[in-house]
Structures are given as C-alpha cells and as structure tokens.
Amino acid sequence: MRSGWSIIIGTIVWLTACIPAPAPVPPTETIAPVAPTPAKATLPAPTPTLPILPSLPATKISTATPIPCDASVGFCVDGGHFILARPIGTDGLREIERGYRYGSTINGKREPHHGVEFSNASGTPVLAAAAGKVIFAAEDKPAIFSPWSRFYGNLVVIEHEIPEIADQIYTLYAHLSTIQIEEGDVVQIEQQIGEIGMTGGAIGSHLHFEVRVGGQYYTDTRNPELWLKPLDENHGAIVVRVVNPDGKLIRIPLLVDKVIDADSTLERVANLDAYAPEKHPVGVDDKWEETHAIAELPVGAYRLSFSYAGQYWERFVEVRQAKVTAVYFMIE
C-alpha cells in the first residue's frame, strides 16, 4: 500500500528491493455504469439492480462467477479467501510493509512488486503459511521463479493442496538468512522453515512473501493481502477495478477514507497506487481482476475517490467482517 459509476464486484512496502513487474490484465466481466453521485460524506441512496455484461476474456484468468451483490449500495460483498497463516510468529512484526504494496513500483523507482514484505530483524523465524510439500529450498542461482538469477537469494517454495481452492497454491519465502527444511519435506502450518535475512536482491532484513495460484510462473502471483488471515477478525478488505467502456484498465491513484462518526467525518487510510503495467506483470485475482486492493481494514463505512480526465469520482462502500468489498468504476 472517487466518485463515479456505481458498479459491482468488490473488496499489499517499504524496506525491500525486490524487483518484480506487471502488466494489466483485461477483465472477464464488466458492470453496466451507474450515473455519478455528487461528492458528499454520506452513504448513497439505493440504486437499481445492475445487469452484468460480459467483456473481453483476460489472459490466464478463468471466467468468474458473478459476485453476489448488494446493488442498492453500489458495491459487492464476497467471502474472499483469507486462508493462509502469517509467515511471521507473534514475537515478530506481522503487518505487511505499506510503503511497497503488491504491484507497487514506489513511484517508478522499482519494478512492480510481486509480493509483500514483512520487515523484521535478521534471524526472526519464518513460518509456513499452510501445510504442504517443499518443492524448492536453496539459493535461486537458476532463474526458475523469477526472470533474474539470485533475485530471491535463499528461497523456500511450498506447494499446497487446499480443499476449498480448486487450483494449486504456492507460497514463496525469499531473502532468508538460513533454510531449515529440505526439498521434498512435508511441513505443517506455522512450522519454522527458516530465518529472515537479506540475501539476493534485498535491501535491509525482511521476508519477501508471495502467493502464486495455478502455476509457479512469475506471472502467477496474486496479492497476498487477499490470502492472509486478518490479524483482527473484525477486519475486511476492498478491491477496486477501474476500466473504460472498452475494458481497458485505467491506472490512477485511489484515495481510501474511513467514515469515522455520525457526522461523516473522513479519516485518510491510504493513497493506493494501481498495479503497475510493466514488462513483468503481477497477477490479479480470478474473481475480481482488480487494479487496486487493500486489506486489514476495520469494518465500517469508507469513501473511495479519485480524479481522472478533469472529473472527480467517488463511491461510498462498506467493509464487513472477514469479507471482500468489490467496487467497479467504468470511466467514459
């Protein structure tokens, strides 16, 4: 780690130098636009049910089942997949670095980030995010999991079979100072697999953590914020997709504000960059095909807003416990 059309479908750091890179992924579904509402810090009036219209299929993205929507308030709510444990124990810092979220380039200073970071001192234990089989545990001298040799340094990759997920899931743990398991080992959830370090392309000690879905390629990544269990069960997430009528992704900074009291006072939560459209694209979720995402949000009302082509767009949405709020903007 926004006014506009009411659309459906709904709700990733700093100390690292991991050099990933994405490209936009076209949508599998778009939502019919809703006329923009005037900017105001109150929840919008109900809007009519919106038809779901098919659009161009996205590369390597399966056609998604429409998200069950509460169209009367202009957003969709989905159960999400918060199924992975934090790869850092309770004695360490378990929050992701917000200055270098998934898909960020830090204002063009780096290539798009294919994971998230947990900044901790060297030697901090690294834990398996789920039970599975170790398929790689060594220095990444051959460029198997990224386009660059020795990019991840000491690396562990675990393959998971999770009943509620049809596709194979892989988690990657990079820049380790030590590796404490071997290829072929079967590990249990939260078993220690190594220690934090700063090997490979790291700047400063931290864990670079990735989630890959359906394949082991660099473009199979997904935003870990949407897969890790919330630190607080009373939190949820927001995903946003901004497109034009032709389905082209529009990548603009998105402001996220929390409505904090009955007077609709707004508190700035984040200024989110869109996933960057570089040579080595980050993957997007099969269900939402998002351009922006943020998790660890306390439940409640939020305003999403941005300016584009001389116009101001906003949408008031609600974050629900352990759910993903999905919002689409269609810009003409």
Protein backbone atom coordinates (compact mmCIF):
# COMPACT_ATOMS: atom_id res chain seq x y z
CA MET A 1 0.00 0.00 0.00
CA ARG A 2 -13.56 8.51 -6.21
CA SER A 3 -16.82 9.35 -7.41
CA GLY A 4 -18.44 7.69 -10.16
CA TRP A 5 -20.40 4.95 -11.58
CA SER A 6 -21.97 2.51 -9.26
CA ILE A 7 -20.67 -0.87 -10.28
CA ILE A 8 -20.42 -4.28 -8.95
CA ILE A 9 -17.80 -6.52 -7.55
CA GLY A 10 -15.73 -5.71 -4.80
CA THR A 11 -13.29 -5.63 -1.72
CA ILE A 12 -0.49 -5.03 -0.22
CA VAL A 13 6.22 -1.90 1.30
CA TRP A 14 8.98 -0.22 2.14
CA LEU A 15 12.27 -1.66 3.21
CA THR A 16 12.79 -4.03 0.33
CA ALA A 17 14.22 -4.10 -3.10
CA CYS A 18 12.50 -6.97 -4.79
CA ILE A 19 12.41 -6.26 -8.45
CA PRO A 20 9.10 -7.64 -9.75
CA ALA A 21 7.00 -6.25 -12.71
CA PRO A 22 3.21 -6.49 -14.01
CA ALA A 23 1.07 -5.72 -16.93
CA PRO A 24 -2.62 -5.05 -16.98
CA VAL A 25 -4.97 -7.97 -17.31
CA PRO A 26 -8.21 -7.30 -19.19
CA PRO A 27 -11.44 -8.13 -17.43
CA THR A 28 -13.67 -11.15 -17.80
CA GLU A 29 -16.74 -9.26 -16.74
CA THR A 30 -17.72 -5.63 -16.61
CA ILE A 31 -20.62 -4.00 -14.92
CA ALA A 32 -23.03 -1.55 -16.50
CA PRO A 33 -22.25 2.00 -15.35
CA VAL A 34 -24.34 3.96 -12.90
CA ALA A 35 -24.62 7.75 -13.12
CA PRO A 36 -22.11 9.54 -10.83
CA THR A 37 -23.37 10.84 -7.49
CA PRO A 38 -22.38 14.22 -6.07
CA ALA A 39 -19.40 14.24 -3.68
CA LYS A 40 -20.58 14.08 -0.11
CA ALA A 41 -19.54 12.23 3.03
CA THR A 42 -22.74 10.28 3.48
CA LEU A 43 -23.83 6.87 2.37
CA PRO A 44 -25.54 6.95 -1.05
CA ALA A 45 -29.16 6.29 -1.70
CA PRO A 46 -30.09 2.86 -3.08
CA THR A 47 -29.54 2.33 -6.76
CA PRO A 48 -31.34 -0.12 -9.04
CA THR A 49 -30.07 -3.61 -9.70
CA LEU A 50 -27.35 -3.54 -12.34
CA PRO A 51 -27.11 -6.05 -15.21
CA ILE A 52 -23.83 -7.92 -15.59
CA LEU A 53 -22.41 -7.68 -19.09
CA PRO A 54 -19.69 -9.95 -20.49
CA SER A 55 -16.47 -8.42 -21.81
CA LEU A 56 -13.16 -9.48 -23.31
CA PRO A 57 -11.60 -12.51 -21.58
CA ALA A 58 -8.43 -11.91 -19.56
CA THR A 59 -5.20 -13.76 -20.30
CA LYS A 60 -4.74 -16.72 -17.94
CA ILE A 61 -7.83 -15.68 -15.98
CA SER A 62 -10.77 -18.02 -15.79
CA THR A 63 -14.29 -16.71 -16.29
CA ALA A 64 -15.57 -15.71 -12.86
CA THR A 65 -18.97 -16.40 -11.40
CA PRO A 66 -20.68 -13.07 -10.69
CA ILE A 67 -20.14 -11.88 -7.13
CA PRO A 68 -23.33 -11.81 -5.07
CA CYS A 69 -24.08 -8.10 -4.91
CA ASP A 70 -25.99 -5.66 -2.79
CA ALA A 71 -26.51 -3.34 -5.72
CA SER A 72 -28.64 -0.95 -3.69
CA VAL A 73 -25.50 0.49 -2.09
CA GLY A 74 -23.20 0.27 -5.08
CA PHE A 75 -20.76 -2.47 -4.11
CA CYS A 76 -20.47 -6.23 -3.95
CA VAL A 77 -19.52 -8.39 -0.98
CA ASP A 78 -17.73 -11.72 -1.35
CA GLY A 79 -16.46 -14.30 1.12
CA GLY A 80 -12.88 -13.94 -0.05
CA HIS A 81 -10.13 -16.46 0.64
CA PHE A 82 -8.34 -15.44 3.82
CA ILE A 83 -6.90 -18.90 4.43
CA LEU A 84 -3.14 -18.50 4.90
CA ALA A 85 -1.44 -18.04 8.27
CA ARG A 86 1.01 -15.19 8.77
CA PRO A 87 4.56 -16.30 7.92
CA ILE A 88 5.84 -14.44 10.98
CA GLY A 89 5.11 -15.55 14.54
CA THR A 90 3.60 -13.46 17.30
CA ASP A 91 7.07 -12.40 18.53
CA GLY A 92 7.76 -10.58 15.25
CA LEU A 93 6.21 -7.81 13.18
CA ARG A 94 3.28 -9.43 11.39
CA GLU A 95 1.91 -6.48 9.43
CA ILE A 96 2.91 -6.02 5.81
CA GLU A 97 5.01 -3.01 4.83
CA ARG A 98 2.56 -0.46 3.49
CA GLY A 99 5.09 1.57 1.52
CA TYR A 100 5.72 -1.19 -1.00
CA ARG A 101 2.45 -2.99 -1.55
CA TYR A 102 1.74 -5.64 -4.14
CA GLY A 103 2.01 -4.21 -7.66
CA SER A 104 3.72 -1.02 -6.47
CA THR A 105 6.81 0.49 -8.12
CA ILE A 106 7.36 3.16 -5.43
CA ASN A 107 6.72 5.92 -7.93
CA GLY A 108 8.66 4.19 -10.69
CA LYS A 109 11.80 3.56 -8.63
CA ARG A 110 11.44 -0.23 -8.80
CA GLU A 111 9.75 -2.82 -10.93
CA PRO A 112 6.31 -3.94 -9.81
CA HIS A 113 6.26 -5.83 -6.54
CA HIS A 114 5.10 -9.43 -6.90
CA GLY A 115 4.65 -9.99 -3.18
CA VAL A 116 4.53 -8.24 0.17
CA GLU A 117 7.19 -7.63 2.79
CA PHE A 118 7.49 -8.28 6.50
CA SER A 119 10.27 -6.14 7.96
CA ASN A 120 11.97 -7.88 10.86
CA ALA A 121 15.48 -8.33 12.22
CA SER A 122 17.73 -10.99 10.70
CA GLY A 123 17.22 -14.27 12.46
CA THR A 124 13.48 -13.80 13.05
CA PRO A 125 11.75 -17.19 12.49
CA VAL A 126 9.87 -17.67 9.22
CA LEU A 127 6.84 -19.97 9.34
CA ALA A 128 4.95 -21.99 6.73
CA ALA A 129 1.70 -20.26 5.84
CA ALA A 130 -0.07 -23.60 5.36
CA ALA A 131 0.69 -27.31 5.34
CA GLY A 132 2.33 -28.56 2.17
CA LYS A 133 5.30 -30.06 0.35
CA VAL A 134 8.59 -28.20 -0.10
CA ILE A 135 9.41 -28.06 -3.82
CA PHE A 136 12.43 -25.73 -3.58
CA ALA A 137 14.80 -24.90 -0.72
CA ALA A 138 18.08 -23.34 -1.85
CA GLU A 139 19.64 -20.20 -3.27
CA ASP A 140 17.90 -19.29 -6.51
CA LYS A 141 21.02 -19.48 -8.69
CA PRO A 142 18.99 -20.68 -11.66
CA ALA A 143 16.28 -18.19 -12.58
CA ILE A 144 13.38 -20.59 -12.02
CA PHE A 145 10.91 -18.47 -10.08
CA SER A 146 11.78 -15.02 -11.46
CA PRO A 147 13.45 -13.61 -14.57
CA TRP A 148 16.68 -12.98 -12.63
CA SER A 149 19.24 -15.34 -11.11
CA ARG A 150 19.91 -14.83 -7.36
CA PHE A 151 16.99 -12.43 -7.23
CA TYR A 152 15.37 -14.05 -4.19
CA GLY A 153 18.58 -15.22 -2.52
CA ASN A 154 17.89 -18.12 -0.16
CA LEU A 155 14.40 -19.22 -1.16
CA VAL A 156 11.78 -21.70 0.00
CA VAL A 157 8.77 -22.62 -2.15
CA ILE A 158 5.92 -24.72 -0.74
CA GLU A 159 3.15 -26.35 -2.74
CA HIS A 160 -0.24 -26.53 -1.02
CA GLU A 161 -3.36 -28.51 -1.72
CA ILE A 162 -6.20 -26.61 -0.08
CA PRO A 163 -9.63 -28.31 -0.35
CA GLU A 164 -11.64 -25.13 -0.83
CA ILE A 165 -9.36 -23.91 -3.65
CA ALA A 166 -9.54 -25.71 -6.99
CA ASP A 167 -6.12 -24.53 -8.19
CA GLN A 168 -2.73 -25.45 -6.77
CA ILE A 169 -1.41 -22.82 -4.37
CA TYR A 170 2.28 -21.99 -3.90
CA THR A 171 3.86 -19.77 -1.26
CA LEU A 172 7.37 -18.29 -1.62
CA TYR A 173 9.65 -17.12 1.20
CA ALA A 174 12.63 -15.10 0.00
CA HIS A 175 15.86 -13.42 1.23
CA LEU A 176 16.26 -15.94 4.07
CA SER A 177 19.45 -15.99 6.13
CA THR A 178 19.03 -19.71 6.86
CA ILE A 179 16.89 -22.50 5.43
CA GLN A 180 15.81 -25.16 7.92
CA ILE A 181 13.97 -27.64 5.69
CA GLU A 182 14.82 -29.55 2.50
CA GLU A 183 13.22 -30.11 -0.86
CA GLY A 184 10.71 -32.95 -0.57
CA ASP A 185 9.90 -32.30 3.10
CA VAL A 186 6.27 -32.17 4.16
CA VAL A 187 5.70 -29.25 6.51
CA GLN A 188 2.84 -28.28 8.78
CA ILE A 189 1.17 -24.92 9.12
CA GLU A 190 3.28 -22.47 11.15
CA GLN A 191 6.26 -24.86 11.20
CA GLN A 192 9.55 -22.93 11.15
CA ILE A 193 11.19 -23.22 7.74
CA GLY A 194 13.98 -20.66 8.03
CA GLU A 195 15.04 -17.25 9.32
CA ILE A 196 14.75 -13.75 7.95
CA GLY A 197 17.81 -12.31 6.22
CA MET A 198 18.80 -10.04 3.38
CA THR A 199 20.16 -12.39 0.70
CA GLY A 200 19.60 -11.95 -3.02
CA GLY A 201 18.36 -8.55 -4.09
CA ALA A 202 17.19 -7.46 -0.63
CA ILE A 203 17.97 -4.10 0.89
CA GLY A 204 17.64 -4.46 4.63
CA SER A 205 16.46 -7.54 6.50
CA HIS A 206 12.92 -8.62 5.72
CA LEU A 207 10.83 -11.51 4.44
CA HIS A 208 9.53 -11.22 0.88
CA PHE A 209 6.37 -13.35 0.74
CA GLU A 210 4.43 -14.38 -2.36
CA VAL A 211 1.31 -16.33 -3.22
CA ARG A 212 1.04 -17.99 -6.63
CA VAL A 213 -2.13 -19.63 -7.89
CA GLY A 214 -2.47 -22.29 -10.58
CA GLY A 215 1.21 -22.24 -11.57
CA GLN A 216 4.76 -21.48 -10.49
CA TYR A 217 5.47 -18.72 -13.01
CA TYR A 218 6.35 -15.16 -12.11
CA THR A 219 3.04 -14.02 -13.63
CA ASP A 220 1.01 -16.45 -11.49
CA THR A 221 1.31 -14.26 -8.40
CA ARG A 222 -1.71 -12.98 -6.52
CA ASN A 223 -1.97 -10.23 -3.93
CA PRO A 224 -1.07 -11.84 -0.57
CA GLU A 225 -3.18 -9.28 1.25
CA LEU A 226 -6.23 -11.07 -0.13
CA TRP A 227 -5.00 -14.51 1.04
CA LEU A 228 -3.56 -13.92 4.51
CA LYS A 229 -5.83 -14.26 7.52
CA PRO A 230 -6.58 -10.85 9.04
CA LEU A 231 -4.71 -10.01 12.21
CA ASP A 232 -8.02 -8.82 13.61
CA GLU A 233 -11.13 -10.86 12.92
CA ASN A 234 -13.11 -7.62 12.80
CA HIS A 235 -11.31 -6.55 9.61
CA GLY A 236 -12.04 -6.92 5.91
CA ALA A 237 -10.70 -5.84 2.51
CA ILE A 238 -11.55 -3.70 -0.50
CA VAL A 239 -10.73 -4.46 -4.13
CA VAL A 240 -11.30 -1.92 -6.90
CA ARG A 241 -11.31 -2.16 -10.66
CA VAL A 242 -11.24 0.94 -12.87
CA VAL A 243 -11.84 0.46 -16.61
CA ASN A 244 -13.13 2.29 -19.64
CA PRO A 245 -16.08 1.00 -21.72
CA ASP A 246 -13.67 -0.99 -23.92
CA GLY A 247 -12.40 -2.87 -20.88
CA LYS A 248 -9.03 -1.10 -20.83
CA LEU A 249 -7.65 -0.79 -17.30
CA ILE A 250 -7.25 2.76 -16.04
CA ARG A 251 -4.43 3.03 -13.50
CA ILE A 252 -4.85 6.04 -11.26
CA PRO A 253 -4.08 6.70 -7.57
CA LEU A 254 -7.06 5.83 -5.38
CA LEU A 255 -7.83 7.56 -2.08
CA VAL A 256 -9.35 5.46 0.70
CA ASP A 257 -11.01 7.33 3.57
CA LYS A 258 -12.87 5.91 6.55
CA VAL A 259 -16.15 7.47 7.64
CA ILE A 260 -15.48 7.65 11.37
CA ASP A 261 -18.59 9.10 13.01
CA ALA A 262 -22.20 10.01 12.66
CA ASP A 263 -21.22 13.39 11.20
CA SER A 264 -19.46 11.59 8.36
CA THR A 265 -16.00 12.90 9.24
CA LEU A 266 -13.41 11.35 6.92
CA GLU A 267 -10.06 9.93 8.00
CA ARG A 268 -7.42 9.15 5.35
CA VAL A 269 -6.48 5.47 5.37
CA ALA A 270 -4.42 5.06 2.21
CA ASN A 271 -3.40 6.55 -1.12
CA LEU A 272 -3.27 3.40 -3.22
CA ASP A 273 -1.26 3.03 -6.41
CA ALA A 274 -2.78 0.86 -9.08
CA TYR A 275 -0.93 -2.30 -10.05
CA ALA A 276 1.76 -1.10 -12.42
CA PRO A 277 1.61 -2.18 -16.11
CA GLU A 278 5.28 -3.05 -16.58
CA LYS A 279 7.12 -5.77 -18.54
CA HIS A 280 6.71 -8.45 -15.88
CA PRO A 281 3.08 -8.15 -14.81
CA VAL A 282 1.69 -9.10 -11.43
CA GLY A 283 -1.26 -11.44 -11.47
CA VAL A 284 -4.77 -10.42 -10.46
CA ASP A 285 -7.43 -12.38 -8.67
CA ASP A 286 -9.53 -14.64 -10.88
CA LYS A 287 -12.68 -13.40 -9.20
CA TRP A 288 -12.16 -9.63 -9.11
CA GLU A 289 -9.40 -8.82 -11.65
CA GLU A 290 -8.59 -5.79 -9.52
CA THR A 291 -6.46 -2.74 -10.25
CA HIS A 292 -6.21 -1.83 -6.54
CA ALA A 293 -6.52 -3.78 -3.28
CA ILE A 294 -6.17 -3.15 0.42
CA ALA A 295 -6.83 -5.41 3.40
CA GLU A 296 -6.63 -5.09 7.21
CA LEU A 297 -9.43 -2.52 7.19
CA PRO A 298 -11.65 -2.22 10.27
CA VAL A 299 -15.29 -2.87 9.47
CA GLY A 300 -17.35 0.19 8.69
CA ALA A 301 -18.09 2.76 6.01
CA TYR A 302 -15.44 4.05 3.59
CA ARG A 303 -15.20 6.53 0.75
CA LEU A 304 -13.22 5.68 -2.38
CA SER A 305 -12.31 8.62 -4.61
CA PHE A 306 -10.05 9.70 -7.47
CA SER A 307 -9.72 12.31 -10.18
CA TYR A 308 -9.41 11.42 -13.84
CA ALA A 309 -9.55 13.50 -17.02
CA GLY A 310 -10.77 16.55 -15.14
CA GLN A 311 -13.54 14.73 -13.33
CA TYR A 312 -13.90 13.66 -9.72
CA TRP A 313 -15.25 10.21 -8.83
CA GLU A 314 -16.27 8.78 -5.50
CA ARG A 315 -18.13 5.82 -4.07
CA PHE A 316 -19.26 5.08 -0.52
CA VAL A 317 -18.90 1.44 0.42
CA GLU A 318 -19.00 -0.79 3.47
CA VAL A 319 -16.30 -3.17 4.76
CA ARG A 320 -17.65 -6.24 6.50
CA GLN A 321 -16.01 -8.72 8.83
CA ALA A 322 -13.69 -11.18 7.03
CA LYS A 323 -15.24 -10.20 3.68
CA VAL A 324 -14.03 -8.56 0.48
CA THR A 325 -15.87 -5.49 -0.76
CA ALA A 326 -15.54 -5.22 -4.54
CA VAL A 327 -16.14 -1.99 -6.44
CA TYR A 328 -16.05 -1.30 -10.16
CA PHE A 329 -15.70 2.11 -11.79
CA MET A 330 -16.38 2.44 -15.52
CA ILE A 331 -14.96 5.66 -16.95
CA GLU A 332 -16.07 7.03 -20.29
